[in-house]
Amino acid sequence: MFACFQIKGCMLMAAPNEITPAQLNRLIGTPQAPVIVDVSLDEDFAVDPFLIPGSFRHAHTDMAGLVARLGNRACVVACQRGKKLSQGMVALLRNDGHRAEYLSGGMQGWRDFPGMVRVPAKSLPALIDGATLWVTRHRPKIDRIACPWLIRRFVDPNARFLFVSPGEVQGVAERYDATPFDVEETFWSHRGDQCTFDTMLDTFELHTPALDQLATVIRAADTNRHALAPEAAGLLALSVGLSRQYRDDHAQLDAGMALYDALYRWARDGKGEGHDWPTGRAQ
């Protein structure tokens, strides 16, 4: 089904290789999100240095490098205004059999669409071998699963995470140029009564109604303040259960990704929905 939009009273049909900001926004944060590639010129990006959540920058002249990076994954390409750079790149990709769309209106269209969040480029840690590298304490429960979920879904889908003994986090961070998180006396940690997840929402400027709702549940579960959100008890129970089910922290993280995917969709689309049996019985 092709999307339609209206300009000055005329109904137009979107191009078959085009995606609108609203359509892309519905995919971001979900496992179905495409790879998002920003091919804006450096001089244009310098004027407005913000990223679409989960995107990365790539030179439009490096077609081979982009293809290698994409593999067989679907992608959305954005340039400053959704014109020659992104449309040309998408045409080349589609000619070679890749699933590619360009962002209607480009980065300016995303910026000007109501309610869209953008990640400040300066907030991202330096890349190590092409991806952000994070380190935290082993045997994660809540914040140390929630934060990697947020990073992979909204900041850097290729982010890598190291789980080490509590006393070795700082040393590993120094030796491997990793970014420590959810440990005391580091930037990416609890602040006052807020969790590390809250710190990341603030720093990456990712505040949306759904993520703010999710943050409240995570904070309530992680700091044993279940009165903040009734869902906290369930999140704690599931988190403890996952930690008992998996000895390997990365296997636990993989399982936790699905858990937080579901919580995000609840916060975004299902909050307020109840369930009873039999359906429709008198209260």
C-alpha atoms as a PDB file:
ATOM      1  CA  MET A   1       0.000   0.000   0.000  1.00  0.00           C
ATOM      2  CA  PHE A   2       1.385   3.376  -0.999  1.00  0.00           C
ATOM      3  CA  ALA A   3       1.284   6.290   1.408  1.00  0.00           C
ATOM      4  CA  CYS A   4      -0.392   9.507   0.320  1.00  0.00           C
ATOM      5  CA  PHE A   5       0.179  13.045   1.504  1.00  0.00           C
ATOM      6  CA  GLN A   6      -1.240  16.460   0.700  1.00  0.00           C
ATOM      7  CA  ILE A   7       0.568  19.573  -0.500  1.00  0.00           C
ATOM      8  CA  LYS A   8      -1.378  22.802  -1.117  1.00  0.00           C
ATOM      9  CA  GLY A   9      -4.655  20.997  -1.565  1.00  0.00           C
ATOM     10  CA  CYS A  10      -3.320  18.316  -3.920  1.00  0.00           C
ATOM     11  CA  MET A  11      -3.245  14.683  -2.898  1.00  0.00           C
ATOM     12  CA  LEU A  12       0.065  13.103  -3.873  1.00  0.00           C
ATOM     13  CA  MET A  13       1.173   9.493  -3.757  1.00  0.00           C
ATOM     14  CA  ALA A  14       4.502   8.766  -2.117  1.00  0.00           C
ATOM     15  CA  ALA A  15       7.146   7.223  -4.325  1.00  0.00           C
ATOM     16  CA  PRO A  16       7.510   3.433  -3.955  1.00  0.00           C
ATOM     17  CA  ASN A  17      11.044   3.910  -2.625  1.00  0.00           C
ATOM     18  CA  GLU A  18      10.094   6.665  -0.158  1.00  0.00           C
ATOM     19  CA  ILE A  19       9.233   6.563   3.542  1.00  0.00           C
ATOM     20  CA  THR A  20       7.764   9.443   5.534  1.00  0.00           C
ATOM     21  CA  PRO A  21       9.038  10.623   8.926  1.00  0.00           C
ATOM     22  CA  ALA A  22       5.830   9.385  10.562  1.00  0.00           C
ATOM     23  CA  GLN A  23       6.231   5.913   9.042  1.00  0.00           C
ATOM     24  CA  LEU A  24       9.891   5.659  10.048  1.00  0.00           C
ATOM     25  CA  ASN A  25       9.152   6.896  13.552  1.00  0.00           C
ATOM     26  CA  ARG A  26       6.753   3.990  14.088  1.00  0.00           C
ATOM     27  CA  LEU A  27       9.552   1.538  13.279  1.00  0.00           C
ATOM     28  CA  ILE A  28      12.308   3.087  15.402  1.00  0.00           C
ATOM     29  CA  GLY A  29      12.653   1.355  18.750  1.00  0.00           C
ATOM     30  CA  THR A  30      11.273  -1.938  17.458  1.00  0.00           C
ATOM     31  CA  PRO A  31      13.060  -5.046  16.166  1.00  0.00           C
ATOM     32  CA  GLN A  32      11.625  -4.249  12.721  1.00  0.00           C
ATOM     33  CA  ALA A  33      13.500  -0.946  12.435  1.00  0.00           C
ATOM     34  CA  PRO A  34      15.582  -0.620   9.265  1.00  0.00           C
ATOM     35  CA  VAL A  35      19.196   0.460   9.179  1.00  0.00           C
ATOM     36  CA  ILE A  36      19.126   4.267   9.024  1.00  0.00           C
ATOM     37  CA  VAL A  37      21.942   5.910   7.093  1.00  0.00           C
ATOM     38  CA  ASP A  38      22.636   9.652   7.166  1.00  0.00           C
ATOM     39  CA  VAL A  39      24.495  10.694   4.005  1.00  0.00           C
ATOM     40  CA  SER A  40      24.259  14.448   4.632  1.00  0.00           C
ATOM     41  CA  LEU A  41      27.306  16.434   3.602  1.00  0.00           C
ATOM     42  CA  ASP A  42      29.690  17.251   6.438  1.00  0.00           C
ATOM     43  CA  GLU A  43      29.124  20.980   6.044  1.00  0.00           C
ATOM     44  CA  ASP A  44      25.353  20.548   6.336  1.00  0.00           C
ATOM     45  CA  PHE A  45      25.673  18.248   9.349  1.00  0.00           C
ATOM     46  CA  ALA A  46      27.998  20.725  11.087  1.00  0.00           C
ATOM     47  CA  VAL A  47      25.216  23.324  11.015  1.00  0.00           C
ATOM     48  CA  ASP A  48      22.704  20.945  12.642  1.00  0.00           C
ATOM     49  CA  PRO A  49      24.661  18.101  14.317  1.00  0.00           C
ATOM     50  CA  PHE A  50      21.817  15.810  15.334  1.00  0.00           C
ATOM     51  CA  LEU A  51      21.011  12.214  14.398  1.00  0.00           C
ATOM     52  CA  ILE A  52      17.805  10.332  13.839  1.00  0.00           C
ATOM     53  CA  PRO A  53      17.653   7.766  16.681  1.00  0.00           C
ATOM     54  CA  GLY A  54      19.610   4.658  15.773  1.00  0.00           C
ATOM     55  CA  SER A  55      21.192   6.143  12.638  1.00  0.00           C
ATOM     56  CA  PHE A  56      24.807   6.454  11.605  1.00  0.00           C
ATOM     57  CA  ARG A  57      26.617   8.764   9.209  1.00  0.00           C
ATOM     58  CA  HIS A  58      28.178   7.492   6.006  1.00  0.00           C
ATOM     59  CA  ALA A  59      29.730   9.245   3.023  1.00  0.00           C
ATOM     60  CA  HIS A  60      27.598   9.047  -0.125  1.00  0.00           C
ATOM     61  CA  THR A  61      30.795   8.418  -2.095  1.00  0.00           C
ATOM     62  CA  ASP A  62      31.481   5.119  -0.302  1.00  0.00           C
ATOM     63  CA  MET A  63      28.927   2.829  -1.859  1.00  0.00           C
ATOM     64  CA  ALA A  64      30.992  -0.333  -1.382  1.00  0.00           C
ATOM     65  CA  GLY A  65      31.536   0.402   2.289  1.00  0.00           C
ATOM     66  CA  LEU A  66      27.830   0.948   2.838  1.00  0.00           C
ATOM     67  CA  VAL A  67      26.876  -2.275   1.083  1.00  0.00           C
ATOM     68  CA  ALA A  68      29.344  -4.192   3.259  1.00  0.00           C
ATOM     69  CA  ARG A  69      27.901  -2.571   6.350  1.00  0.00           C
ATOM     70  CA  LEU A  70      24.297  -3.282   5.384  1.00  0.00           C
ATOM     71  CA  GLY A  71      24.629  -6.944   4.479  1.00  0.00           C
ATOM     72  CA  ASN A  72      21.135  -7.977   3.443  1.00  0.00           C
ATOM     73  CA  ARG A  73      19.289  -5.692   5.881  1.00  0.00           C
ATOM     74  CA  ALA A  74      16.710  -3.148   4.730  1.00  0.00           C
ATOM     75  CA  CYS A  75      17.749   0.488   5.036  1.00  0.00           C
ATOM     76  CA  VAL A  76      16.464   4.037   4.969  1.00  0.00           C
ATOM     77  CA  VAL A  77      18.787   6.703   3.582  1.00  0.00           C
ATOM     78  CA  ALA A  78      18.508  10.340   4.661  1.00  0.00           C
ATOM     79  CA  CYS A  79      20.262  13.436   3.384  1.00  0.00           C
ATOM     80  CA  GLN A  80      19.678  17.070   4.265  1.00  0.00           C
ATOM     81  CA  ARG A  81      16.429  17.527   2.302  1.00  0.00           C
ATOM     82  CA  GLY A  82      15.588  14.117   0.849  1.00  0.00           C
ATOM     83  CA  LYS A  83      16.755  14.970  -2.638  1.00  0.00           C
ATOM     84  CA  LYS A  84      19.692  14.039  -4.833  1.00  0.00           C
ATOM     85  CA  LEU A  85      22.070  12.456  -2.298  1.00  0.00           C
ATOM     86  CA  SER A  86      19.590  10.095  -0.660  1.00  0.00           C
ATOM     87  CA  GLN A  87      17.497   9.402  -3.761  1.00  0.00           C
ATOM     88  CA  GLY A  88      20.596   8.668  -5.813  1.00  0.00           C
ATOM     89  CA  MET A  89      21.994   6.334  -3.160  1.00  0.00           C
ATOM     90  CA  VAL A  90      18.687   4.513  -2.851  1.00  0.00           C
ATOM     91  CA  ALA A  91      18.433   4.141  -6.638  1.00  0.00           C
ATOM     92  CA  LEU A  92      21.907   2.596  -6.732  1.00  0.00           C
ATOM     93  CA  LEU A  93      21.118   0.235  -3.867  1.00  0.00           C
ATOM     94  CA  ARG A  94      17.820  -0.867  -5.376  1.00  0.00           C
ATOM     95  CA  ASN A  95      19.463  -1.416  -8.755  1.00  0.00           C
ATOM     96  CA  ASP A  96      21.748  -3.929  -7.051  1.00  0.00           C
ATOM     97  CA  GLY A  97      18.871  -5.724  -5.328  1.00  0.00           C
ATOM     98  CA  HIS A  98      19.010  -4.090  -1.883  1.00  0.00           C
ATOM     99  CA  ARG A  99      15.904  -3.085   0.063  1.00  0.00           C
ATOM    100  CA  ALA A 100      16.258   0.668   0.395  1.00  0.00           C
ATOM    101  CA  GLU A 101      14.056   3.732   0.825  1.00  0.00           C
ATOM    102  CA  TYR A 102      14.838   7.416   1.155  1.00  0.00           C
ATOM    103  CA  LEU A 103      13.415   9.619   3.893  1.00  0.00           C
ATOM    104  CA  SER A 104      10.874  12.092   2.591  1.00  0.00           C
ATOM    105  CA  GLY A 105      12.039  15.617   3.406  1.00  0.00           C
ATOM    106  CA  GLY A 106      15.360  14.335   4.695  1.00  0.00           C
ATOM    107  CA  MET A 107      16.882  15.495   7.947  1.00  0.00           C
ATOM    108  CA  GLN A 108      15.081  18.827   7.727  1.00  0.00           C
ATOM    109  CA  GLY A 109      11.761  17.053   7.309  1.00  0.00           C
ATOM    110  CA  TRP A 110      12.484  14.889  10.346  1.00  0.00           C
ATOM    111  CA  ARG A 111      13.517  17.904  12.415  1.00  0.00           C
ATOM    112  CA  ASP A 112      10.393  19.867  11.527  1.00  0.00           C
ATOM    113  CA  PHE A 113       7.888  17.021  12.004  1.00  0.00           C
ATOM    114  CA  PRO A 114       6.020  17.461  15.323  1.00  0.00           C
ATOM    115  CA  GLY A 115       7.156  15.298  18.216  1.00  0.00           C
ATOM    116  CA  MET A 116      10.302  13.865  16.636  1.00  0.00           C
ATOM    117  CA  VAL A 117      13.336  13.318  18.864  1.00  0.00           C
ATOM    118  CA  ARG A 118      16.912  13.727  17.672  1.00  0.00           C
ATOM    119  CA  VAL A 119      20.112  12.524  19.299  1.00  0.00           C
ATOM    120  CA  PRO A 120      22.909  15.120  19.690  1.00  0.00           C
ATOM    121  CA  ALA A 121      25.934  13.750  17.891  1.00  0.00           C
ATOM    122  CA  LYS A 122      28.196  15.031  20.692  1.00  0.00           C
ATOM    123  CA  SER A 123      26.419  12.796  23.226  1.00  0.00           C
ATOM    124  CA  LEU A 124      27.669   9.550  21.658  1.00  0.00           C
ATOM    125  CA  PRO A 125      30.892   8.036  23.002  1.00  0.00           C
ATOM    126  CA  ALA A 126      33.715   7.602  20.524  1.00  0.00           C
ATOM    127  CA  LEU A 127      33.421   4.552  18.285  1.00  0.00           C
ATOM    128  CA  ILE A 128      35.749   1.627  18.903  1.00  0.00           C
ATOM    129  CA  ASP A 129      36.157  -0.525  15.788  1.00  0.00           C
ATOM    130  CA  GLY A 130      33.046   1.027  14.266  1.00  0.00           C
ATOM    131  CA  ALA A 131      30.677   0.784  17.246  1.00  0.00           C
ATOM    132  CA  THR A 132      30.250   2.170  20.749  1.00  0.00           C
ATOM    133  CA  LEU A 133      31.763  -0.053  23.435  1.00  0.00           C
ATOM    134  CA  TRP A 134      30.299  -0.121  26.954  1.00  0.00           C
ATOM    135  CA  VAL A 135      31.321  -1.892  30.143  1.00  0.00           C
ATOM    136  CA  THR A 136      29.426  -2.585  33.356  1.00  0.00           C
ATOM    137  CA  ARG A 137      29.154  -5.026  36.263  1.00  0.00           C
ATOM    138  CA  HIS A 138      28.364  -8.629  35.500  1.00  0.00           C
ATOM    139  CA  ARG A 139      25.155 -10.428  36.554  1.00  0.00           C
ATOM    140  CA  PRO A 140      22.796  -7.666  35.369  1.00  0.00           C
ATOM    141  CA  LYS A 141      19.250  -7.328  36.646  1.00  0.00           C
ATOM    142  CA  ILE A 142      17.275  -4.251  35.548  1.00  0.00           C
ATOM    143  CA  ASP A 143      19.175  -1.053  34.681  1.00  0.00           C
ATOM    144  CA  ARG A 144      22.056  -3.010  33.138  1.00  0.00           C
ATOM    145  CA  ILE A 145      19.648  -4.716  30.730  1.00  0.00           C
ATOM    146  CA  ALA A 146      17.362  -1.707  30.162  1.00  0.00           C
ATOM    147  CA  CYS A 147      20.263   0.592  29.209  1.00  0.00           C
ATOM    148  CA  PRO A 148      21.739  -1.739  26.571  1.00  0.00           C
ATOM    149  CA  TRP A 149      18.217  -2.147  25.152  1.00  0.00           C
ATOM    150  CA  LEU A 150      17.848   1.640  24.897  1.00  0.00           C
ATOM    151  CA  ILE A 151      21.258   2.037  23.277  1.00  0.00           C
ATOM    152  CA  ARG A 152      20.727  -0.691  20.691  1.00  0.00           C
ATOM    153  CA  ARG A 153      17.195   0.408  19.815  1.00  0.00           C
ATOM    154  CA  PHE A 154      17.680   4.194  19.805  1.00  0.00           C
ATOM    155  CA  VAL A 155      21.380   5.094  19.717  1.00  0.00           C
ATOM    156  CA  ASP A 156      23.716   2.488  18.228  1.00  0.00           C
ATOM    157  CA  PRO A 157      22.247  -0.811  16.993  1.00  0.00           C
ATOM    158  CA  ASN A 158      25.754  -2.269  16.772  1.00  0.00           C
ATOM    159  CA  ALA A 159      26.795  -1.322  20.314  1.00  0.00           C
ATOM    160  CA  ARG A 160      28.848  -3.905  22.210  1.00  0.00           C
ATOM    161  CA  PHE A 161      28.630  -4.570  25.941  1.00  0.00           C
ATOM    162  CA  LEU A 162      31.218  -5.996  28.320  1.00  0.00           C
ATOM    163  CA  PHE A 163      30.135  -7.531  31.627  1.00  0.00           C
ATOM    164  CA  VAL A 164      32.966  -7.858  34.148  1.00  0.00           C
ATOM    165  CA  SER A 165      33.540  -8.139  37.898  1.00  0.00           C
ATOM    166  CA  PRO A 166      32.482  -4.952  39.742  1.00  0.00           C
ATOM    167  CA  GLY A 167      36.009  -4.163  40.827  1.00  0.00           C
ATOM    168  CA  GLU A 168      37.359  -4.449  37.284  1.00  0.00           C
ATOM    169  CA  VAL A 169      34.957  -2.114  35.450  1.00  0.00           C
ATOM    170  CA  GLN A 170      37.183   0.964  35.610  1.00  0.00           C
ATOM    171  CA  GLY A 171      40.307  -0.945  34.688  1.00  0.00           C
ATOM    172  CA  VAL A 172      38.640  -2.592  31.692  1.00  0.00           C
ATOM    173  CA  ALA A 173      37.254   0.778  30.629  1.00  0.00           C
ATOM    174  CA  GLU A 174      40.744   2.278  30.650  1.00  0.00           C
ATOM    175  CA  ARG A 175      42.469  -0.637  28.935  1.00  0.00           C
ATOM    176  CA  TYR A 176      39.890  -1.109  26.164  1.00  0.00           C
ATOM    177  CA  ASP A 177      38.603   2.476  25.773  1.00  0.00           C
ATOM    178  CA  ALA A 178      35.159   1.282  26.811  1.00  0.00           C
ATOM    179  CA  THR A 179      32.519   3.553  28.343  1.00  0.00           C
ATOM    180  CA  PRO A 180      31.551   2.492  31.901  1.00  0.00           C
ATOM    181  CA  PHE A 181      27.877   2.665  32.867  1.00  0.00           C
ATOM    182  CA  ASP A 182      25.699   1.932  35.878  1.00  0.00           C
ATOM    183  CA  VAL A 183      28.643   2.038  38.260  1.00  0.00           C
ATOM    184  CA  GLU A 184      29.293   4.658  40.916  1.00  0.00           C
ATOM    185  CA  GLU A 185      31.341   7.777  40.221  1.00  0.00           C
ATOM    186  CA  THR A 186      30.899   7.628  36.445  1.00  0.00           C
ATOM    187  CA  PHE A 187      28.977   9.906  34.092  1.00  0.00           C
ATOM    188  CA  TRP A 188      26.520   7.213  32.947  1.00  0.00           C
ATOM    189  CA  SER A 189      25.083   6.286  36.322  1.00  0.00           C
ATOM    190  CA  HIS A 190      22.369   7.058  38.865  1.00  0.00           C
ATOM    191  CA  ARG A 191      21.827  10.718  39.736  1.00  0.00           C
ATOM    192  CA  GLY A 192      19.857  11.440  42.875  1.00  0.00           C
ATOM    193  CA  ASP A 193      16.716   9.310  42.753  1.00  0.00           C
ATOM    194  CA  GLN A 194      17.081   8.773  38.992  1.00  0.00           C
ATOM    195  CA  CYS A 195      18.462   5.629  37.341  1.00  0.00           C
ATOM    196  CA  THR A 196      21.104   5.253  34.658  1.00  0.00           C
ATOM    197  CA  PHE A 197      18.260   4.754  32.177  1.00  0.00           C
ATOM    198  CA  ASP A 198      17.034   8.253  33.120  1.00  0.00           C
ATOM    199  CA  THR A 199      20.535   9.660  32.633  1.00  0.00           C
ATOM    200  CA  MET A 200      20.640   8.206  29.139  1.00  0.00           C
ATOM    201  CA  LEU A 201      17.231   9.606  28.236  1.00  0.00           C
ATOM    202  CA  ASP A 202      18.420  13.040  29.373  1.00  0.00           C
ATOM    203  CA  THR A 203      21.805  12.948  27.644  1.00  0.00           C
ATOM    204  CA  PHE A 204      20.610  11.431  24.370  1.00  0.00           C
ATOM    205  CA  GLU A 205      17.518  13.699  24.441  1.00  0.00           C
ATOM    206  CA  LEU A 206      15.218  10.726  23.947  1.00  0.00           C
ATOM    207  CA  HIS A 207      12.262  11.865  26.018  1.00  0.00           C
ATOM    208  CA  THR A 208       8.991  10.642  24.528  1.00  0.00           C
ATOM    209  CA  PRO A 209       5.781   9.736  26.369  1.00  0.00           C
ATOM    210  CA  ALA A 210       6.477   6.027  25.848  1.00  0.00           C
ATOM    211  CA  LEU A 211      10.121   6.113  26.943  1.00  0.00           C
ATOM    212  CA  ASP A 212       9.279   8.332  29.914  1.00  0.00           C
ATOM    213  CA  GLN A 213       6.613   5.836  30.987  1.00  0.00           C
ATOM    214  CA  LEU A 214       9.077   2.997  30.590  1.00  0.00           C
ATOM    215  CA  ALA A 215      11.656   4.942  32.605  1.00  0.00           C
ATOM    216  CA  THR A 216       9.219   5.262  35.499  1.00  0.00           C
ATOM    217  CA  VAL A 217       8.665   1.505  35.602  1.00  0.00           C
ATOM    218  CA  ILE A 218      12.402   0.814  35.387  1.00  0.00           C
ATOM    219  CA  ARG A 219      13.167   3.347  38.136  1.00  0.00           C
ATOM    220  CA  ALA A 220      10.494   1.891  40.387  1.00  0.00           C
ATOM    221  CA  ALA A 221      11.779  -1.662  39.923  1.00  0.00           C
ATOM    222  CA  ASP A 222      15.491  -0.801  40.101  1.00  0.00           C
ATOM    223  CA  THR A 223      15.232   1.287  43.278  1.00  0.00           C
ATOM    224  CA  ASN A 224      12.563  -0.750  45.079  1.00  0.00           C
ATOM    225  CA  ARG A 225       9.944   2.006  44.906  1.00  0.00           C
ATOM    226  CA  HIS A 226       7.071  -0.001  43.483  1.00  0.00           C
ATOM    227  CA  ALA A 227       4.535   2.656  44.456  1.00  0.00           C
ATOM    228  CA  LEU A 228       5.783   4.685  41.482  1.00  0.00           C
ATOM    229  CA  ALA A 229       4.403   2.139  39.020  1.00  0.00           C
ATOM    230  CA  PRO A 230       2.384  -1.034  39.663  1.00  0.00           C
ATOM    231  CA  GLU A 231       4.210  -2.734  36.775  1.00  0.00           C
ATOM    232  CA  ALA A 232       7.496  -2.550  38.700  1.00  0.00           C
ATOM    233  CA  ALA A 233       6.817  -5.710  40.687  1.00  0.00           C
ATOM    234  CA  GLY A 234       6.320  -7.660  37.479  1.00  0.00           C
ATOM    235  CA  LEU A 235       9.482  -6.243  35.914  1.00  0.00           C
ATOM    236  CA  LEU A 236      11.483  -7.146  39.011  1.00  0.00           C
ATOM    237  CA  ALA A 237      10.110 -10.686  39.028  1.00  0.00           C
ATOM    238  CA  LEU A 238      10.893 -11.220  35.344  1.00  0.00           C
ATOM    239  CA  SER A 239      14.355  -9.672  35.691  1.00  0.00           C
ATOM    240  CA  VAL A 240      15.269 -11.871  38.639  1.00  0.00           C
ATOM    241  CA  GLY A 241      13.895 -14.877  36.781  1.00  0.00           C
ATOM    242  CA  LEU A 242      16.041 -14.115  33.739  1.00  0.00           C
ATOM    243  CA  SER A 243      19.123 -13.717  35.917  1.00  0.00           C
ATOM    244  CA  ARG A 244      18.470 -17.174  37.383  1.00  0.00           C
ATOM    245  CA  GLN A 245      17.737 -18.715  34.005  1.00  0.00           C
ATOM    246  CA  TYR A 246      20.951 -17.620  32.272  1.00  0.00           C
ATOM    247  CA  ARG A 247      24.512 -17.974  33.493  1.00  0.00           C
ATOM    248  CA  ASP A 248      25.856 -16.140  30.454  1.00  0.00           C
ATOM    249  CA  ASP A 249      25.247 -12.385  30.673  1.00  0.00           C
ATOM    250  CA  HIS A 250      25.031 -11.974  26.904  1.00  0.00           C
ATOM    251  CA  ALA A 251      22.421 -14.713  26.612  1.00  0.00           C
ATOM    252  CA  GLN A 252      20.499 -12.936  29.343  1.00  0.00           C
ATOM    253  CA  LEU A 253      20.811  -9.642  27.461  1.00  0.00           C
ATOM    254  CA  ASP A 254      19.454 -11.268  24.289  1.00  0.00           C
ATOM    255  CA  ALA A 255      16.455 -12.540  26.230  1.00  0.00           C
ATOM    256  CA  GLY A 256      16.050  -9.200  27.971  1.00  0.00           C
ATOM    257  CA  MET A 257      15.902  -7.391  24.633  1.00  0.00           C
ATOM    258  CA  ALA A 258      12.630  -9.183  23.876  1.00  0.00           C
ATOM    259  CA  LEU A 259      11.322  -8.309  27.337  1.00  0.00           C
ATOM    260  CA  TYR A 260      11.983  -4.593  26.880  1.00  0.00           C
ATOM    261  CA  ASP A 261      10.678  -4.677  23.310  1.00  0.00           C
ATOM    262  CA  ALA A 262       7.380  -5.849  24.756  1.00  0.00           C
ATOM    263  CA  LEU A 263       7.423  -3.263  27.548  1.00  0.00           C
ATOM    264  CA  TYR A 264       8.104  -0.503  25.034  1.00  0.00           C
ATOM    265  CA  ARG A 265       5.175  -1.528  22.866  1.00  0.00           C
ATOM    266  CA  TRP A 266       2.990  -1.629  25.990  1.00  0.00           C
ATOM    267  CA  ALA A 267       4.099   1.884  26.945  1.00  0.00           C
ATOM    268  CA  ARG A 268       3.677   3.200  23.402  1.00  0.00           C
ATOM    269  CA  ASP A 269       0.555   1.426  22.215  1.00  0.00           C
ATOM    270  CA  GLY A 270      -1.047  -0.641  24.962  1.00  0.00           C
ATOM    271  CA  LYS A 271      -0.981   1.316  28.198  1.00  0.00           C
ATOM    272  CA  GLY A 272      -4.425   1.351  29.753  1.00  0.00           C
ATOM    273  CA  GLU A 273      -5.525  -1.885  28.135  1.00  0.00           C
ATOM    274  CA  GLY A 274      -6.814  -4.381  30.673  1.00  0.00           C
ATOM    275  CA  HIS A 275      -7.765  -8.015  30.595  1.00  0.00           C
ATOM    276  CA  ASP A 276     -10.446 -10.047  32.314  1.00  0.00           C
ATOM    277  CA  TRP A 277     -12.221 -13.373  31.954  1.00  0.00           C
ATOM    278  CA  PRO A 278     -14.885 -14.001  30.963  1.00  0.00           C
ATOM    279  CA  THR A 279     -14.826 -11.040  28.616  1.00  0.00           C
ATOM    280  CA  GLY A 280     -17.391  -8.348  29.300  1.00  0.00           C
ATOM    281  CA  ARG A 281     -18.689  -9.695  32.593  1.00  0.00           C
ATOM    282  CA  ALA A 282     -20.467  -7.221  34.808  1.00  0.00           C
ATOM    283  CA  GLN A 283     -18.289  -5.460  37.346  1.00  0.00           C
END
